[in-house]
Amino acid sequence: MAWAQLGAALPMAIGAGVADRRTPTVAIAGDGGCLFTISELATAADRGRQLSLVIWDNRGYGEIRDSFLQEGIPPVGVDTSAHNLEAIAAGIGFACATVTEPDQLANNLQTSLRADRPNVIVIRADHEQIH
């Protein structure tokens, strides 16, 4: 069984960035959890400083989906319809990147940590393996 705070990563990272303006800030969230507080992207953009938001996109609530499947329960309510997180982030003023390979993530994260503006890095999971 897993325990997690859905939606807490982004607002907590914004708070950490306010508390220590010298240290680069990284938030890691799943796409489903991120949707709980996605409007906080505007707060981060308004601050105008570095923030790296890494989103693992597995098209929904992957841990919940997996726990349903492990118990033999048909997954219900675990898929999301917000499939273009990059467009949402870009519309608010974030720089965006999409990655599918570990080396792409490392390169984009290094760039994001040096940036003077907020960035979103979306990790696209292999959706054929998810369902």
N, C-alpha and C. Protein backbone atom coordinates (compact mmCIF):
# COMPACT_ATOMS: atom_id res chain seq x y z
N MET A 1 0.84 -1.17 0.00
CA MET A 1 0.00 0.00 0.00
C MET A 1 0.90 1.24 0.00
N ALA A 2 0.51 2.23 -0.74
CA ALA A 2 1.27 3.48 -0.82
C ALA A 2 0.48 4.61 -0.17
N TRP A 3 1.21 5.54 0.41
CA TRP A 3 0.60 6.72 1.01
C TRP A 3 1.22 7.94 0.36
N ALA A 4 0.41 8.86 -0.08
CA ALA A 4 0.94 10.04 -0.74
C ALA A 4 -0.02 11.21 -0.53
N GLN A 5 0.52 12.40 -0.64
CA GLN A 5 -0.27 13.62 -0.58
C GLN A 5 -0.51 14.08 -2.01
N LEU A 6 -1.67 13.84 -2.54
CA LEU A 6 -1.97 14.25 -3.91
C LEU A 6 -2.04 15.77 -4.00
N GLY A 7 -1.22 16.33 -4.87
CA GLY A 7 -1.28 17.75 -5.14
C GLY A 7 -0.35 18.61 -4.31
N ALA A 8 0.36 18.03 -3.36
CA ALA A 8 1.17 18.84 -2.45
C ALA A 8 2.51 19.29 -3.03
N ALA A 9 3.04 18.59 -4.01
CA ALA A 9 4.41 18.84 -4.48
C ALA A 9 4.61 20.27 -4.98
N LEU A 10 3.74 20.76 -5.83
CA LEU A 10 3.94 22.08 -6.42
C LEU A 10 3.84 23.20 -5.39
N PRO A 11 2.78 23.29 -4.59
CA PRO A 11 2.74 24.37 -3.60
C PRO A 11 3.87 24.28 -2.58
N MET A 12 4.26 23.07 -2.21
CA MET A 12 5.37 22.93 -1.27
C MET A 12 6.68 23.42 -1.89
N ALA A 13 6.89 23.13 -3.16
CA ALA A 13 8.10 23.60 -3.84
C ALA A 13 8.12 25.12 -3.94
N ILE A 14 6.98 25.71 -4.21
CA ILE A 14 6.90 27.18 -4.25
C ILE A 14 7.29 27.75 -2.89
N GLY A 15 6.76 27.15 -1.83
CA GLY A 15 7.11 27.59 -0.48
C GLY A 15 8.59 27.42 -0.18
N ALA A 16 9.17 26.32 -0.60
CA ALA A 16 10.59 26.09 -0.39
C ALA A 16 11.42 27.13 -1.13
N GLY A 17 10.98 27.49 -2.34
CA GLY A 17 11.69 28.51 -3.11
C GLY A 17 11.61 29.88 -2.47
N VAL A 18 10.50 30.18 -1.82
CA VAL A 18 10.36 31.45 -1.10
C VAL A 18 11.27 31.45 0.13
N ALA A 19 11.33 30.30 0.82
CA ALA A 19 12.13 30.20 2.04
C ALA A 19 13.62 30.30 1.77
N ASP A 20 14.08 29.74 0.66
CA ASP A 20 15.51 29.76 0.33
C ASP A 20 15.65 30.11 -1.14
N ARG A 21 15.82 31.37 -1.42
CA ARG A 21 15.86 31.86 -2.80
C ARG A 21 17.15 31.50 -3.52
N ARG A 22 18.17 31.05 -2.81
CA ARG A 22 19.46 30.76 -3.44
C ARG A 22 19.56 29.34 -3.97
N THR A 23 18.75 28.44 -3.44
CA THR A 23 18.85 27.03 -3.79
C THR A 23 17.81 26.68 -4.86
N PRO A 24 18.24 26.03 -5.95
CA PRO A 24 17.27 25.60 -6.96
C PRO A 24 16.21 24.68 -6.36
N THR A 25 15.00 24.80 -6.85
CA THR A 25 13.87 24.05 -6.31
C THR A 25 13.34 23.08 -7.35
N VAL A 26 13.09 21.84 -6.93
CA VAL A 26 12.54 20.81 -7.80
C VAL A 26 11.33 20.20 -7.12
N ALA A 27 10.24 20.07 -7.86
CA ALA A 27 9.06 19.34 -7.41
C ALA A 27 8.87 18.16 -8.34
N ILE A 28 8.51 17.02 -7.79
CA ILE A 28 8.24 15.82 -8.59
C ILE A 28 6.83 15.37 -8.27
N ALA A 29 6.02 15.22 -9.30
CA ALA A 29 4.61 14.84 -9.10
C ALA A 29 4.13 13.98 -10.24
N GLY A 30 3.14 13.17 -9.97
CA GLY A 30 2.46 12.46 -11.03
C GLY A 30 1.46 13.40 -11.69
N ASP A 31 1.04 13.06 -12.89
CA ASP A 31 0.10 13.94 -13.59
C ASP A 31 -1.23 14.04 -12.87
N GLY A 32 -1.73 12.95 -12.32
CA GLY A 32 -3.00 13.01 -11.59
C GLY A 32 -2.90 13.88 -10.36
N GLY A 33 -1.88 13.69 -9.56
CA GLY A 33 -1.69 14.50 -8.37
C GLY A 33 -1.45 15.95 -8.69
N CYS A 34 -0.70 16.20 -9.75
CA CYS A 34 -0.41 17.58 -10.16
C CYS A 34 -1.69 18.33 -10.51
N LEU A 35 -2.66 17.63 -11.05
CA LEU A 35 -3.90 18.29 -11.44
C LEU A 35 -4.67 18.85 -10.25
N PHE A 36 -4.40 18.35 -9.05
CA PHE A 36 -5.05 18.89 -7.85
C PHE A 36 -4.70 20.35 -7.62
N THR A 37 -3.47 20.75 -7.98
CA THR A 37 -3.01 22.11 -7.69
C THR A 37 -2.38 22.77 -8.91
N ILE A 38 -2.78 22.37 -10.09
CA ILE A 38 -2.16 22.89 -11.32
C ILE A 38 -2.27 24.41 -11.42
N SER A 39 -3.28 24.98 -10.80
CA SER A 39 -3.43 26.44 -10.85
C SER A 39 -2.27 27.15 -10.15
N GLU A 40 -1.56 26.46 -9.28
CA GLU A 40 -0.41 27.05 -8.61
C GLU A 40 0.74 27.31 -9.58
N LEU A 41 0.67 26.78 -10.79
CA LEU A 41 1.66 27.14 -11.80
C LEU A 41 1.67 28.65 -12.01
N ALA A 42 0.49 29.27 -11.93
CA ALA A 42 0.41 30.73 -12.09
C ALA A 42 1.15 31.43 -10.96
N THR A 43 1.04 30.93 -9.75
CA THR A 43 1.78 31.51 -8.62
C THR A 43 3.28 31.42 -8.87
N ALA A 44 3.74 30.26 -9.31
CA ALA A 44 5.16 30.08 -9.59
C ALA A 44 5.63 31.00 -10.71
N ALA A 45 4.82 31.12 -11.75
CA ALA A 45 5.19 32.01 -12.87
C ALA A 45 5.23 33.46 -12.41
N ASP A 46 4.30 33.87 -11.57
CA ASP A 46 4.28 35.24 -11.06
C ASP A 46 5.52 35.56 -10.23
N ARG A 47 6.08 34.55 -9.56
CA ARG A 47 7.31 34.75 -8.78
C ARG A 47 8.48 35.03 -9.70
N GLY A 48 8.45 34.46 -10.92
CA GLY A 48 9.47 34.75 -11.91
C GLY A 48 10.87 34.23 -11.62
N ARG A 49 10.96 33.22 -10.78
CA ARG A 49 12.27 32.65 -10.46
C ARG A 49 12.30 31.17 -10.83
N GLN A 50 13.45 30.59 -10.62
CA GLN A 50 13.66 29.19 -10.95
C GLN A 50 12.71 28.30 -10.16
N LEU A 51 12.11 27.35 -10.83
CA LEU A 51 11.38 26.24 -10.24
C LEU A 51 11.31 25.17 -11.31
N SER A 52 11.67 23.97 -10.95
CA SER A 52 11.59 22.84 -11.87
C SER A 52 10.49 21.91 -11.39
N LEU A 53 9.48 21.72 -12.22
CA LEU A 53 8.40 20.79 -11.92
C LEU A 53 8.54 19.61 -12.87
N VAL A 54 8.83 18.44 -12.31
CA VAL A 54 8.95 17.21 -13.09
C VAL A 54 7.66 16.44 -12.90
N ILE A 55 6.98 16.16 -14.02
CA ILE A 55 5.68 15.47 -13.96
C ILE A 55 5.82 14.11 -14.64
N TRP A 56 5.53 13.05 -13.89
CA TRP A 56 5.48 11.70 -14.45
C TRP A 56 4.08 11.51 -15.01
N ASP A 57 3.98 11.46 -16.33
CA ASP A 57 2.67 11.37 -16.99
C ASP A 57 2.35 9.93 -17.35
N ASN A 58 1.50 9.32 -16.55
CA ASN A 58 1.03 7.97 -16.87
C ASN A 58 -0.48 7.98 -17.10
N ARG A 59 -0.97 9.13 -17.52
CA ARG A 59 -2.38 9.31 -17.90
C ARG A 59 -3.35 9.07 -16.76
N GLY A 60 -2.96 9.47 -15.56
CA GLY A 60 -3.92 9.35 -14.47
C GLY A 60 -3.29 9.06 -13.14
N TYR A 61 -4.00 8.33 -12.35
CA TYR A 61 -3.58 7.98 -11.00
C TYR A 61 -3.00 6.56 -11.05
N GLY A 62 -1.74 6.47 -11.46
CA GLY A 62 -1.11 5.18 -11.74
C GLY A 62 -1.02 4.26 -10.55
N GLU A 63 -0.67 4.78 -9.38
CA GLU A 63 -0.57 3.91 -8.20
C GLU A 63 -1.93 3.37 -7.81
N ILE A 64 -2.95 4.19 -7.93
CA ILE A 64 -4.31 3.73 -7.61
C ILE A 64 -4.74 2.69 -8.64
N ARG A 65 -4.46 2.98 -9.92
CA ARG A 65 -4.79 2.03 -10.98
C ARG A 65 -4.11 0.69 -10.71
N ASP A 66 -2.82 0.74 -10.39
CA ASP A 66 -2.07 -0.49 -10.13
C ASP A 66 -2.63 -1.26 -8.94
N SER A 67 -3.03 -0.56 -7.88
CA SER A 67 -3.57 -1.25 -6.71
C SER A 67 -4.91 -1.91 -7.03
N PHE A 68 -5.72 -1.27 -7.86
CA PHE A 68 -6.97 -1.91 -8.30
C PHE A 68 -6.65 -3.21 -9.04
N LEU A 69 -5.74 -3.12 -9.99
CA LEU A 69 -5.40 -4.28 -10.81
C LEU A 69 -4.81 -5.41 -9.97
N GLN A 70 -3.97 -5.06 -8.99
CA GLN A 70 -3.37 -6.08 -8.11
C GLN A 70 -4.42 -6.81 -7.30
N GLU A 71 -5.50 -6.14 -7.00
CA GLU A 71 -6.58 -6.75 -6.21
C GLU A 71 -7.65 -7.38 -7.09
N GLY A 72 -7.46 -7.31 -8.41
CA GLY A 72 -8.45 -7.88 -9.33
C GLY A 72 -9.70 -7.04 -9.47
N ILE A 73 -9.60 -5.76 -9.15
CA ILE A 73 -10.74 -4.84 -9.22
C ILE A 73 -10.63 -4.05 -10.52
N PRO A 74 -11.69 -3.97 -11.30
CA PRO A 74 -11.62 -3.15 -12.52
C PRO A 74 -11.34 -1.68 -12.15
N PRO A 75 -10.31 -1.08 -12.75
CA PRO A 75 -9.99 0.32 -12.43
C PRO A 75 -11.09 1.27 -12.90
N VAL A 76 -11.57 2.10 -12.00
CA VAL A 76 -12.60 3.09 -12.30
C VAL A 76 -12.13 4.43 -11.76
N GLY A 77 -12.25 5.47 -12.56
CA GLY A 77 -11.93 6.82 -12.11
C GLY A 77 -10.45 7.09 -11.94
N VAL A 78 -9.61 6.33 -12.63
CA VAL A 78 -8.17 6.50 -12.46
C VAL A 78 -7.48 7.14 -13.67
N ASP A 79 -8.23 7.39 -14.72
CA ASP A 79 -7.66 8.01 -15.92
C ASP A 79 -8.03 9.48 -15.97
N THR A 80 -7.08 10.31 -16.42
CA THR A 80 -7.35 11.75 -16.52
C THR A 80 -7.55 12.15 -17.98
N SER A 81 -8.14 13.29 -18.16
CA SER A 81 -8.37 13.79 -19.52
C SER A 81 -7.46 14.95 -19.88
N ALA A 82 -6.61 15.38 -18.97
CA ALA A 82 -5.67 16.48 -19.25
C ALA A 82 -4.41 15.88 -19.85
N HIS A 83 -4.41 15.69 -21.17
CA HIS A 83 -3.30 15.01 -21.83
C HIS A 83 -2.27 15.94 -22.43
N ASN A 84 -2.41 17.23 -22.27
CA ASN A 84 -1.42 18.15 -22.83
C ASN A 84 -0.94 19.10 -21.72
N LEU A 85 -0.23 18.54 -20.79
CA LEU A 85 0.28 19.31 -19.66
C LEU A 85 1.25 20.40 -20.12
N GLU A 86 1.97 20.13 -21.21
CA GLU A 86 2.89 21.12 -21.75
C GLU A 86 2.14 22.38 -22.19
N ALA A 87 0.98 22.20 -22.81
CA ALA A 87 0.20 23.36 -23.26
C ALA A 87 -0.31 24.16 -22.06
N ILE A 88 -0.73 23.47 -21.02
CA ILE A 88 -1.19 24.16 -19.81
C ILE A 88 -0.05 24.99 -19.23
N ALA A 89 1.11 24.36 -19.08
CA ALA A 89 2.27 25.05 -18.49
C ALA A 89 2.75 26.20 -19.37
N ALA A 90 2.82 25.99 -20.67
CA ALA A 90 3.26 27.05 -21.59
C ALA A 90 2.29 28.21 -21.57
N GLY A 91 1.01 27.94 -21.45
CA GLY A 91 0.01 29.00 -21.40
C GLY A 91 0.16 29.89 -20.17
N ILE A 92 0.78 29.37 -19.14
CA ILE A 92 1.00 30.14 -17.92
C ILE A 92 2.38 30.81 -17.92
N GLY A 93 3.24 30.42 -18.84
CA GLY A 93 4.55 31.06 -18.95
C GLY A 93 5.74 30.20 -18.59
N PHE A 94 5.53 28.93 -18.39
CA PHE A 94 6.63 28.02 -18.10
C PHE A 94 7.34 27.61 -19.38
N ALA A 95 8.64 27.40 -19.30
CA ALA A 95 9.35 26.70 -20.36
C ALA A 95 9.01 25.23 -20.19
N CYS A 96 8.88 24.49 -21.28
CA CYS A 96 8.43 23.10 -21.20
C CYS A 96 9.33 22.19 -22.01
N ALA A 97 9.47 20.97 -21.53
CA ALA A 97 10.17 19.93 -22.26
C ALA A 97 9.45 18.62 -22.01
N THR A 98 9.48 17.75 -22.99
CA THR A 98 8.92 16.41 -22.86
C THR A 98 10.04 15.42 -23.06
N VAL A 99 10.14 14.45 -22.17
CA VAL A 99 11.21 13.46 -22.26
C VAL A 99 10.63 12.06 -22.20
N THR A 100 11.35 11.14 -22.82
CA THR A 100 10.97 9.73 -22.78
C THR A 100 12.14 8.84 -22.38
N GLU A 101 13.33 9.41 -22.28
CA GLU A 101 14.54 8.65 -21.96
C GLU A 101 15.26 9.28 -20.77
N PRO A 102 15.93 8.47 -19.95
CA PRO A 102 16.63 9.00 -18.77
C PRO A 102 17.65 10.09 -19.09
N ASP A 103 18.42 9.95 -20.17
CA ASP A 103 19.43 10.97 -20.48
C ASP A 103 18.76 12.30 -20.86
N GLN A 104 17.60 12.23 -21.48
CA GLN A 104 16.85 13.46 -21.78
C GLN A 104 16.43 14.16 -20.49
N LEU A 105 15.98 13.37 -19.52
CA LEU A 105 15.58 13.94 -18.24
C LEU A 105 16.77 14.62 -17.57
N ALA A 106 17.91 13.95 -17.52
CA ALA A 106 19.10 14.52 -16.88
C ALA A 106 19.50 15.83 -17.54
N ASN A 107 19.54 15.87 -18.86
CA ASN A 107 19.92 17.09 -19.58
C ASN A 107 18.94 18.22 -19.34
N ASN A 108 17.66 17.92 -19.45
CA ASN A 108 16.64 18.96 -19.25
C ASN A 108 16.59 19.45 -17.81
N LEU A 109 16.81 18.57 -16.86
CA LEU A 109 16.80 18.98 -15.46
C LEU A 109 18.00 19.88 -15.16
N GLN A 110 19.16 19.56 -15.70
CA GLN A 110 20.33 20.42 -15.51
C GLN A 110 20.08 21.81 -16.07
N THR A 111 19.49 21.89 -17.24
CA THR A 111 19.16 23.18 -17.85
C THR A 111 18.15 23.93 -16.99
N SER A 112 17.14 23.22 -16.51
CA SER A 112 16.09 23.83 -15.69
C SER A 112 16.64 24.37 -14.38
N LEU A 113 17.57 23.66 -13.78
CA LEU A 113 18.14 24.10 -12.50
C LEU A 113 18.96 25.39 -12.65
N ARG A 114 19.46 25.65 -13.84
CA ARG A 114 20.24 26.87 -14.09
C ARG A 114 19.37 28.03 -14.59
N ALA A 115 18.12 27.76 -14.89
CA ALA A 115 17.25 28.78 -15.48
C ALA A 115 16.82 29.81 -14.44
N ASP A 116 16.42 30.96 -14.92
CA ASP A 116 15.91 32.00 -14.02
C ASP A 116 14.40 32.13 -14.14
N ARG A 117 13.76 31.09 -14.62
CA ARG A 117 12.31 31.06 -14.75
C ARG A 117 11.81 29.65 -14.48
N PRO A 118 10.53 29.49 -14.26
CA PRO A 118 9.98 28.16 -14.00
C PRO A 118 10.00 27.27 -15.25
N ASN A 119 10.18 25.99 -15.01
CA ASN A 119 10.22 24.99 -16.08
C ASN A 119 9.38 23.79 -15.70
N VAL A 120 8.76 23.18 -16.70
CA VAL A 120 8.08 21.91 -16.52
C VAL A 120 8.76 20.89 -17.42
N ILE A 121 9.04 19.73 -16.84
CA ILE A 121 9.56 18.61 -17.61
C ILE A 121 8.55 17.48 -17.46
N VAL A 122 7.98 17.07 -18.56
CA VAL A 122 6.99 15.99 -18.54
C VAL A 122 7.67 14.71 -18.99
N ILE A 123 7.61 13.70 -18.13
CA ILE A 123 8.12 12.38 -18.49
C ILE A 123 6.95 11.58 -19.00
N ARG A 124 7.02 11.22 -20.27
CA ARG A 124 5.94 10.42 -20.87
C ARG A 124 6.22 8.94 -20.66
N ALA A 125 5.35 8.29 -19.94
CA ALA A 125 5.44 6.85 -19.74
C ALA A 125 5.00 6.16 -21.03
N ASP A 126 5.39 4.93 -21.18
CA ASP A 126 4.95 4.12 -22.31
C ASP A 126 3.49 3.74 -22.07
N HIS A 127 2.58 4.48 -22.70
CA HIS A 127 1.16 4.30 -22.43
C HIS A 127 0.62 2.94 -22.85
N GLU A 128 1.31 2.27 -23.76
CA GLU A 128 0.85 0.93 -24.16
C GLU A 128 1.01 -0.06 -23.00
N GLN A 129 2.00 0.18 -22.14
CA GLN A 129 2.23 -0.72 -21.02
C GLN A 129 1.34 -0.37 -19.83
N ILE A 130 0.76 0.81 -19.81
CA ILE A 130 -0.03 1.24 -18.67
C ILE A 130 -1.36 0.50 -18.58
N HIS A 131 -2.02 0.36 -19.69
CA HIS A 131 -3.37 -0.23 -19.66
C HIS A 131 -3.33 -1.70 -20.01
